[in-house]
Amino acid sequence: MRFILTLGAVLAMCRLASAAEPTFPSSAGDLSVRTVADGLVNPWSLAFLPDGRMLVTERPGRMRIATRNGQLSPALGNVPKVFAQSQAGLMDVLLARDYDHTRMIFVCYAEPADGGGRIAVLRARLIDDETPRLEAPSVIFRQKGPVSRGLNIGCRMVQDPDGNLFVTLGDHFAPKDLAQKLDNHIGKIVRITPDGTAPADNPFVGRQDALPEI
């Protein structure tokens, strides 16, 4: 359901050629698409705040807050520098399940490394005032393995009811055969705690030839 809402909202944010609201048939009934906000560059992910506003990532490395009537905040401060090339950049954003109390969010992005990018997950508090920003940002996970040059990067996240995060990691195209080996994070799904450690009940914990996050 989160993916459907995100995809629908991203489509709504894209500039449409016609002023009329186009309608598309679906198995659930007709879907109408309305432009909510424009002026965004490659909007990649949305996280809906409790009041209905949207936290939006732009792949080149910006994050903004969009209101229901299309107003955009300035770019948030303290967003990490990203490797923005081809499919890589600033990607997924997710509100923690306890966001109402902690204002904690998670950000998945391509961190510059060795002339390319590797997936990193950052945890921070969202400060939503006149100068919106991320407070106390901390990288809790870094992908191990060859860097990506911008292809097959991955970076979708979801948080379990128990608080653990599932993060998808692409195969980076060229080193894709490493997805079959457990000593790296290429082409894997990892499960980590909100602090970035591997839960004790992950399937490969304790194996000498495997990374425990997988």
C-alpha atoms as a PDB file:
ATOM      1  CA  MET A   1       0.000   0.000   0.000  1.00  0.00           C
ATOM      2  CA  ARG A   2       2.862   2.417   0.806  1.00  0.00           C
ATOM      3  CA  PHE A   3       4.349   1.764  -2.647  1.00  0.00           C
ATOM      4  CA  ILE A   4       0.993   2.454  -4.350  1.00  0.00           C
ATOM      5  CA  LEU A   5       0.514   5.711  -2.435  1.00  0.00           C
ATOM      6  CA  THR A   6       4.066   6.774  -3.188  1.00  0.00           C
ATOM      7  CA  LEU A   7       3.799   5.977  -6.886  1.00  0.00           C
ATOM      8  CA  GLY A   8       0.465   7.756  -7.170  1.00  0.00           C
ATOM      9  CA  ALA A   9       1.781  10.852  -5.427  1.00  0.00           C
ATOM     10  CA  VAL A  10       4.932  10.934  -7.559  1.00  0.00           C
ATOM     11  CA  LEU A  11       2.796  10.788 -10.695  1.00  0.00           C
ATOM     12  CA  ALA A  12       0.690  13.586  -9.287  1.00  0.00           C
ATOM     13  CA  MET A  13       3.779  15.731  -8.784  1.00  0.00           C
ATOM     14  CA  CYS A  14       4.935  15.429 -12.371  1.00  0.00           C
ATOM     15  CA  ARG A  15       4.031  18.297 -14.697  1.00  0.00           C
ATOM     16  CA  LEU A  16       1.257  17.247 -17.059  1.00  0.00           C
ATOM     17  CA  ALA A  17       0.833  18.522 -20.593  1.00  0.00           C
ATOM     18  CA  SER A  18      -2.910  18.962 -20.274  1.00  0.00           C
ATOM     19  CA  ALA A  19      -4.729  21.157 -17.790  1.00  0.00           C
ATOM     20  CA  ALA A  20      -7.464  18.509 -17.506  1.00  0.00           C
ATOM     21  CA  GLU A  21      -7.058  15.720 -14.996  1.00  0.00           C
ATOM     22  CA  PRO A  22      -6.332  12.551 -16.993  1.00  0.00           C
ATOM     23  CA  THR A  23      -8.048   9.365 -15.913  1.00  0.00           C
ATOM     24  CA  PHE A  24      -6.598   5.865 -16.102  1.00  0.00           C
ATOM     25  CA  PRO A  25      -8.521   2.607 -15.664  1.00  0.00           C
ATOM     26  CA  SER A  26      -7.362   0.127 -13.043  1.00  0.00           C
ATOM     27  CA  SER A  27      -8.620  -3.048 -11.411  1.00  0.00           C
ATOM     28  CA  ALA A  28      -9.662  -0.919  -8.416  1.00  0.00           C
ATOM     29  CA  GLY A  29     -11.568   1.606 -10.551  1.00  0.00           C
ATOM     30  CA  ASP A  30     -10.653   4.738 -12.459  1.00  0.00           C
ATOM     31  CA  LEU A  31      -7.681   6.739 -11.183  1.00  0.00           C
ATOM     32  CA  SER A  32      -7.426  10.476 -11.820  1.00  0.00           C
ATOM     33  CA  VAL A  33      -4.048  12.241 -11.722  1.00  0.00           C
ATOM     34  CA  ARG A  34      -3.821  15.838 -10.532  1.00  0.00           C
ATOM     35  CA  THR A  35      -0.722  18.023 -10.378  1.00  0.00           C
ATOM     36  CA  VAL A  36      -0.109  18.887  -6.729  1.00  0.00           C
ATOM     37  CA  ALA A  37       3.309  20.569  -7.019  1.00  0.00           C
ATOM     38  CA  ASP A  38       5.820  21.171  -9.756  1.00  0.00           C
ATOM     39  CA  GLY A  39       9.354  22.489  -9.986  1.00  0.00           C
ATOM     40  CA  LEU A  40      10.825  19.342  -8.443  1.00  0.00           C
ATOM     41  CA  VAL A  41      13.760  17.591 -10.121  1.00  0.00           C
ATOM     42  CA  ASN A  42      13.443  13.797 -10.298  1.00  0.00           C
ATOM     43  CA  PRO A  43      11.243  13.374  -7.206  1.00  0.00           C
ATOM     44  CA  TRP A  44      12.054   9.871  -5.998  1.00  0.00           C
ATOM     45  CA  SER A  45      10.175   9.178  -2.771  1.00  0.00           C
ATOM     46  CA  LEU A  46       7.491  10.597  -0.486  1.00  0.00           C
ATOM     47  CA  ALA A  47       6.876  10.256   3.232  1.00  0.00           C
ATOM     48  CA  PHE A  48       3.504  11.571   4.374  1.00  0.00           C
ATOM     49  CA  LEU A  49       3.717  13.649   7.532  1.00  0.00           C
ATOM     50  CA  PRO A  50       0.914  13.360  10.123  1.00  0.00           C
ATOM     51  CA  ASP A  51      -0.708  16.601   8.951  1.00  0.00           C
ATOM     52  CA  GLY A  52      -0.888  15.465   5.317  1.00  0.00           C
ATOM     53  CA  ARG A  53       2.148  17.323   4.009  1.00  0.00           C
ATOM     54  CA  MET A  54       4.744  15.357   2.094  1.00  0.00           C
ATOM     55  CA  LEU A  55       8.463  14.988   2.679  1.00  0.00           C
ATOM     56  CA  VAL A  56       9.887  14.657  -0.849  1.00  0.00           C
ATOM     57  CA  THR A  57      13.353  13.580  -1.964  1.00  0.00           C
ATOM     58  CA  GLU A  58      14.847  14.853  -5.209  1.00  0.00           C
ATOM     59  CA  ARG A  59      17.414  12.523  -6.732  1.00  0.00           C
ATOM     60  CA  PRO A  60      20.069  15.242  -7.325  1.00  0.00           C
ATOM     61  CA  GLY A  61      20.364  15.630  -3.542  1.00  0.00           C
ATOM     62  CA  ARG A  62      17.588  17.849  -2.171  1.00  0.00           C
ATOM     63  CA  MET A  63      14.725  17.213   0.217  1.00  0.00           C
ATOM     64  CA  ARG A  64      11.674  19.452   0.568  1.00  0.00           C
ATOM     65  CA  ILE A  65       8.326  19.555   2.312  1.00  0.00           C
ATOM     66  CA  ALA A  66       5.316  19.941   0.015  1.00  0.00           C
ATOM     67  CA  THR A  67       1.927  21.091   1.290  1.00  0.00           C
ATOM     68  CA  ARG A  68      -1.392  19.814  -0.005  1.00  0.00           C
ATOM     69  CA  ASN A  69      -1.838  22.988  -2.051  1.00  0.00           C
ATOM     70  CA  GLY A  70       1.552  22.661  -3.722  1.00  0.00           C
ATOM     71  CA  GLN A  71       3.742  25.001  -1.700  1.00  0.00           C
ATOM     72  CA  LEU A  72       7.342  23.825  -1.417  1.00  0.00           C
ATOM     73  CA  SER A  73       9.667  24.500   1.485  1.00  0.00           C
ATOM     74  CA  PRO A  74      13.270  25.530   0.935  1.00  0.00           C
ATOM     75  CA  ALA A  75      15.660  22.618   0.539  1.00  0.00           C
ATOM     76  CA  LEU A  76      16.241  21.034   3.949  1.00  0.00           C
ATOM     77  CA  GLY A  77      19.558  21.629   5.645  1.00  0.00           C
ATOM     78  CA  ASN A  78      22.030  18.898   6.633  1.00  0.00           C
ATOM     79  CA  VAL A  79      20.943  16.536   3.858  1.00  0.00           C
ATOM     80  CA  PRO A  80      23.944  14.327   3.059  1.00  0.00           C
ATOM     81  CA  LYS A  81      26.016  14.795  -0.069  1.00  0.00           C
ATOM     82  CA  VAL A  82      25.055  12.198  -2.662  1.00  0.00           C
ATOM     83  CA  PHE A  83      26.536  10.511  -5.716  1.00  0.00           C
ATOM     84  CA  ALA A  84      23.972  11.673  -8.280  1.00  0.00           C
ATOM     85  CA  GLN A  85      24.451   9.889 -11.575  1.00  0.00           C
ATOM     86  CA  SER A  86      22.077   7.869 -13.745  1.00  0.00           C
ATOM     87  CA  GLN A  87      19.767   6.031 -11.281  1.00  0.00           C
ATOM     88  CA  ALA A  88      21.731   6.974  -8.169  1.00  0.00           C
ATOM     89  CA  GLY A  89      21.314   9.910  -5.809  1.00  0.00           C
ATOM     90  CA  LEU A  90      19.062  10.855  -2.899  1.00  0.00           C
ATOM     91  CA  MET A  91      16.400   8.204  -2.888  1.00  0.00           C
ATOM     92  CA  ASP A  92      14.068   6.739  -0.277  1.00  0.00           C
ATOM     93  CA  VAL A  93      12.792   8.511   2.838  1.00  0.00           C
ATOM     94  CA  LEU A  94      10.798   6.863   5.597  1.00  0.00           C
ATOM     95  CA  LEU A  95       9.190   8.131   8.786  1.00  0.00           C
ATOM     96  CA  ALA A  96       9.962   5.982  11.814  1.00  0.00           C
ATOM     97  CA  ARG A  97       6.954   4.199  13.281  1.00  0.00           C
ATOM     98  CA  ASP A  98       7.383   6.291  16.441  1.00  0.00           C
ATOM     99  CA  TYR A  99       7.759   9.537  14.487  1.00  0.00           C
ATOM    100  CA  ASP A 100       4.999  11.275  16.473  1.00  0.00           C
ATOM    101  CA  HIS A 101       7.217  11.053  19.566  1.00  0.00           C
ATOM    102  CA  THR A 102      10.741  11.062  18.161  1.00  0.00           C
ATOM    103  CA  ARG A 103      10.508  12.999  14.845  1.00  0.00           C
ATOM    104  CA  MET A 104      12.939  10.371  13.557  1.00  0.00           C
ATOM    105  CA  ILE A 105      13.278   9.634   9.848  1.00  0.00           C
ATOM    106  CA  PHE A 106      15.444   7.300   7.770  1.00  0.00           C
ATOM    107  CA  VAL A 107      17.042   8.283   4.457  1.00  0.00           C
ATOM    108  CA  CYS A 108      18.517   5.890   1.880  1.00  0.00           C
ATOM    109  CA  TYR A 109      20.950   7.360  -0.627  1.00  0.00           C
ATOM    110  CA  ALA A 110      24.033   6.781  -2.767  1.00  0.00           C
ATOM    111  CA  GLU A 111      27.014   7.954  -0.750  1.00  0.00           C
ATOM    112  CA  PRO A 112      30.039   9.090  -2.806  1.00  0.00           C
ATOM    113  CA  ALA A 113      32.855   6.519  -2.579  1.00  0.00           C
ATOM    114  CA  ASP A 114      35.808   5.547  -4.785  1.00  0.00           C
ATOM    115  CA  GLY A 115      34.558   7.465  -7.812  1.00  0.00           C
ATOM    116  CA  GLY A 116      31.076   5.974  -7.590  1.00  0.00           C
ATOM    117  CA  GLY A 117      28.399   5.451  -4.976  1.00  0.00           C
ATOM    118  CA  ARG A 118      27.429   2.942  -2.323  1.00  0.00           C
ATOM    119  CA  ILE A 119      24.128   2.684  -0.490  1.00  0.00           C
ATOM    120  CA  ALA A 120      24.033   4.310   2.926  1.00  0.00           C
ATOM    121  CA  VAL A 121      21.165   4.646   5.382  1.00  0.00           C
ATOM    122  CA  LEU A 122      20.999   7.717   7.576  1.00  0.00           C
ATOM    123  CA  ARG A 123      18.913   8.355  10.670  1.00  0.00           C
ATOM    124  CA  ALA A 124      18.036  11.908  11.749  1.00  0.00           C
ATOM    125  CA  ARG A 125      15.400  14.026  13.451  1.00  0.00           C
ATOM    126  CA  LEU A 126      13.279  16.217  11.215  1.00  0.00           C
ATOM    127  CA  ILE A 127      13.183  19.828  12.412  1.00  0.00           C
ATOM    128  CA  ASP A 128      10.152  21.406  10.804  1.00  0.00           C
ATOM    129  CA  ASP A 129      10.308  25.165  11.416  1.00  0.00           C
ATOM    130  CA  GLU A 130      11.211  28.297   9.430  1.00  0.00           C
ATOM    131  CA  THR A 131      14.503  26.654   8.436  1.00  0.00           C
ATOM    132  CA  PRO A 132      13.637  22.973   7.975  1.00  0.00           C
ATOM    133  CA  ARG A 133      16.592  20.643   8.435  1.00  0.00           C
ATOM    134  CA  LEU A 134      17.845  17.293   9.583  1.00  0.00           C
ATOM    135  CA  GLU A 135      19.179  17.304  13.131  1.00  0.00           C
ATOM    136  CA  ALA A 136      21.869  14.954  14.421  1.00  0.00           C
ATOM    137  CA  PRO A 137      22.173  12.970  11.193  1.00  0.00           C
ATOM    138  CA  SER A 138      23.983   9.674  11.658  1.00  0.00           C
ATOM    139  CA  VAL A 139      24.837   7.001   9.085  1.00  0.00           C
ATOM    140  CA  ILE A 140      23.681   3.658  10.511  1.00  0.00           C
ATOM    141  CA  PHE A 141      24.503   1.409   7.546  1.00  0.00           C
ATOM    142  CA  ARG A 142      26.970   1.368   4.627  1.00  0.00           C
ATOM    143  CA  GLN A 143      26.904  -1.177   1.835  1.00  0.00           C
ATOM    144  CA  LYS A 144      29.981  -3.420   1.525  1.00  0.00           C
ATOM    145  CA  GLY A 145      31.206  -4.381  -1.935  1.00  0.00           C
ATOM    146  CA  PRO A 146      32.148  -2.682  -5.225  1.00  0.00           C
ATOM    147  CA  VAL A 147      30.651   0.765  -5.734  1.00  0.00           C
ATOM    148  CA  SER A 148      27.989   1.550  -8.318  1.00  0.00           C
ATOM    149  CA  ARG A 149      28.595   3.849 -11.274  1.00  0.00           C
ATOM    150  CA  GLY A 150      24.925   4.757 -11.179  1.00  0.00           C
ATOM    151  CA  LEU A 151      23.111   1.613 -12.307  1.00  0.00           C
ATOM    152  CA  ASN A 152      20.959  -0.903 -10.413  1.00  0.00           C
ATOM    153  CA  ILE A 153      21.395   0.951  -7.150  1.00  0.00           C
ATOM    154  CA  GLY A 154      18.337  -0.121  -5.129  1.00  0.00           C
ATOM    155  CA  CYS A 155      17.406   1.809  -1.962  1.00  0.00           C
ATOM    156  CA  ARG A 156      13.794   1.074  -1.058  1.00  0.00           C
ATOM    157  CA  MET A 157      13.067   0.719   2.686  1.00  0.00           C
ATOM    158  CA  VAL A 158      10.282  -0.503   4.934  1.00  0.00           C
ATOM    159  CA  GLN A 159      10.080  -0.741   8.737  1.00  0.00           C
ATOM    160  CA  ASP A 160       8.684  -3.831  10.410  1.00  0.00           C
ATOM    161  CA  PRO A 161       6.204  -3.589  13.306  1.00  0.00           C
ATOM    162  CA  ASP A 162       9.107  -4.681  15.543  1.00  0.00           C
ATOM    163  CA  GLY A 163      11.088  -1.610  14.444  1.00  0.00           C
ATOM    164  CA  ASN A 164      13.648  -3.356  12.253  1.00  0.00           C
ATOM    165  CA  LEU A 165      14.390  -1.948   8.792  1.00  0.00           C
ATOM    166  CA  PHE A 166      14.456  -3.890   5.545  1.00  0.00           C
ATOM    167  CA  VAL A 167      16.641  -2.186   2.914  1.00  0.00           C
ATOM    168  CA  THR A 168      16.983  -3.265  -0.714  1.00  0.00           C
ATOM    169  CA  LEU A 169      20.470  -3.083  -2.223  1.00  0.00           C
ATOM    170  CA  GLY A 170      21.028  -3.242  -5.977  1.00  0.00           C
ATOM    171  CA  ASP A 171      23.521  -5.466  -7.800  1.00  0.00           C
ATOM    172  CA  HIS A 172      25.328  -2.446  -9.371  1.00  0.00           C
ATOM    173  CA  PHE A 173      25.109  -4.122 -12.799  1.00  0.00           C
ATOM    174  CA  ALA A 174      28.795  -4.944 -13.437  1.00  0.00           C
ATOM    175  CA  PRO A 175      29.468  -6.907 -10.192  1.00  0.00           C
ATOM    176  CA  LYS A 176      26.051  -8.593 -10.297  1.00  0.00           C
ATOM    177  CA  ASP A 177      27.502 -12.105  -9.835  1.00  0.00           C
ATOM    178  CA  LEU A 178      28.439 -11.111  -6.278  1.00  0.00           C
ATOM    179  CA  ALA A 179      24.730 -11.223  -5.425  1.00  0.00           C
ATOM    180  CA  GLN A 180      25.184 -15.001  -5.060  1.00  0.00           C
ATOM    181  CA  LYS A 181      27.876 -14.614  -2.380  1.00  0.00           C
ATOM    182  CA  LEU A 182      27.142 -13.808   1.265  1.00  0.00           C
ATOM    183  CA  ASP A 183      30.401 -11.962   2.065  1.00  0.00           C
ATOM    184  CA  ASN A 184      29.129  -8.677   0.542  1.00  0.00           C
ATOM    185  CA  HIS A 185      25.969  -6.564   0.318  1.00  0.00           C
ATOM    186  CA  ILE A 186      25.680  -6.515  -3.488  1.00  0.00           C
ATOM    187  CA  GLY A 187      22.195  -7.467  -4.692  1.00  0.00           C
ATOM    188  CA  LYS A 188      20.889  -8.223  -1.209  1.00  0.00           C
ATOM    189  CA  ILE A 189      18.080  -7.327   1.159  1.00  0.00           C
ATOM    190  CA  VAL A 190      19.385  -6.454   4.589  1.00  0.00           C
ATOM    191  CA  ARG A 191      17.532  -6.342   7.892  1.00  0.00           C
ATOM    192  CA  ILE A 192      18.920  -3.964  10.501  1.00  0.00           C
ATOM    193  CA  THR A 193      17.807  -2.393  13.744  1.00  0.00           C
ATOM    194  CA  PRO A 194      17.140   1.373  13.924  1.00  0.00           C
ATOM    195  CA  ASP A 195      20.734   1.666  15.210  1.00  0.00           C
ATOM    196  CA  GLY A 196      22.102  -0.219  12.199  1.00  0.00           C
ATOM    197  CA  THR A 197      23.097  -3.454  13.924  1.00  0.00           C
ATOM    198  CA  ALA A 198      22.061  -6.908  12.736  1.00  0.00           C
ATOM    199  CA  PRO A 199      19.182  -8.471  14.697  1.00  0.00           C
ATOM    200  CA  ALA A 200      20.228 -11.668  16.444  1.00  0.00           C
ATOM    201  CA  ASP A 201      17.595 -13.729  14.582  1.00  0.00           C
ATOM    202  CA  ASN A 202      18.771 -12.822  11.064  1.00  0.00           C
ATOM    203  CA  PRO A 203      19.247 -16.068   9.090  1.00  0.00           C
ATOM    204  CA  PHE A 204      23.036 -15.864   8.588  1.00  0.00           C
ATOM    205  CA  VAL A 205      24.118 -14.555  11.987  1.00  0.00           C
ATOM    206  CA  GLY A 206      27.086 -16.541  13.242  1.00  0.00           C
ATOM    207  CA  ARG A 207      28.235 -17.823   9.852  1.00  0.00           C
ATOM    208  CA  GLN A 208      31.887 -17.021   9.134  1.00  0.00           C
ATOM    209  CA  ASP A 209      31.270 -16.692   5.368  1.00  0.00           C
ATOM    210  CA  ALA A 210      28.257 -14.338   5.638  1.00  0.00           C
ATOM    211  CA  LEU A 211      27.508 -10.757   6.642  1.00  0.00           C
ATOM    212  CA  PRO A 212      24.996 -10.790   9.503  1.00  0.00           C
ATOM    213  CA  GLU A 213      22.825  -7.987   8.080  1.00  0.00           C
ATOM    214  CA  ILE A 214      21.703 -10.144   5.108  1.00  0.00           C
END
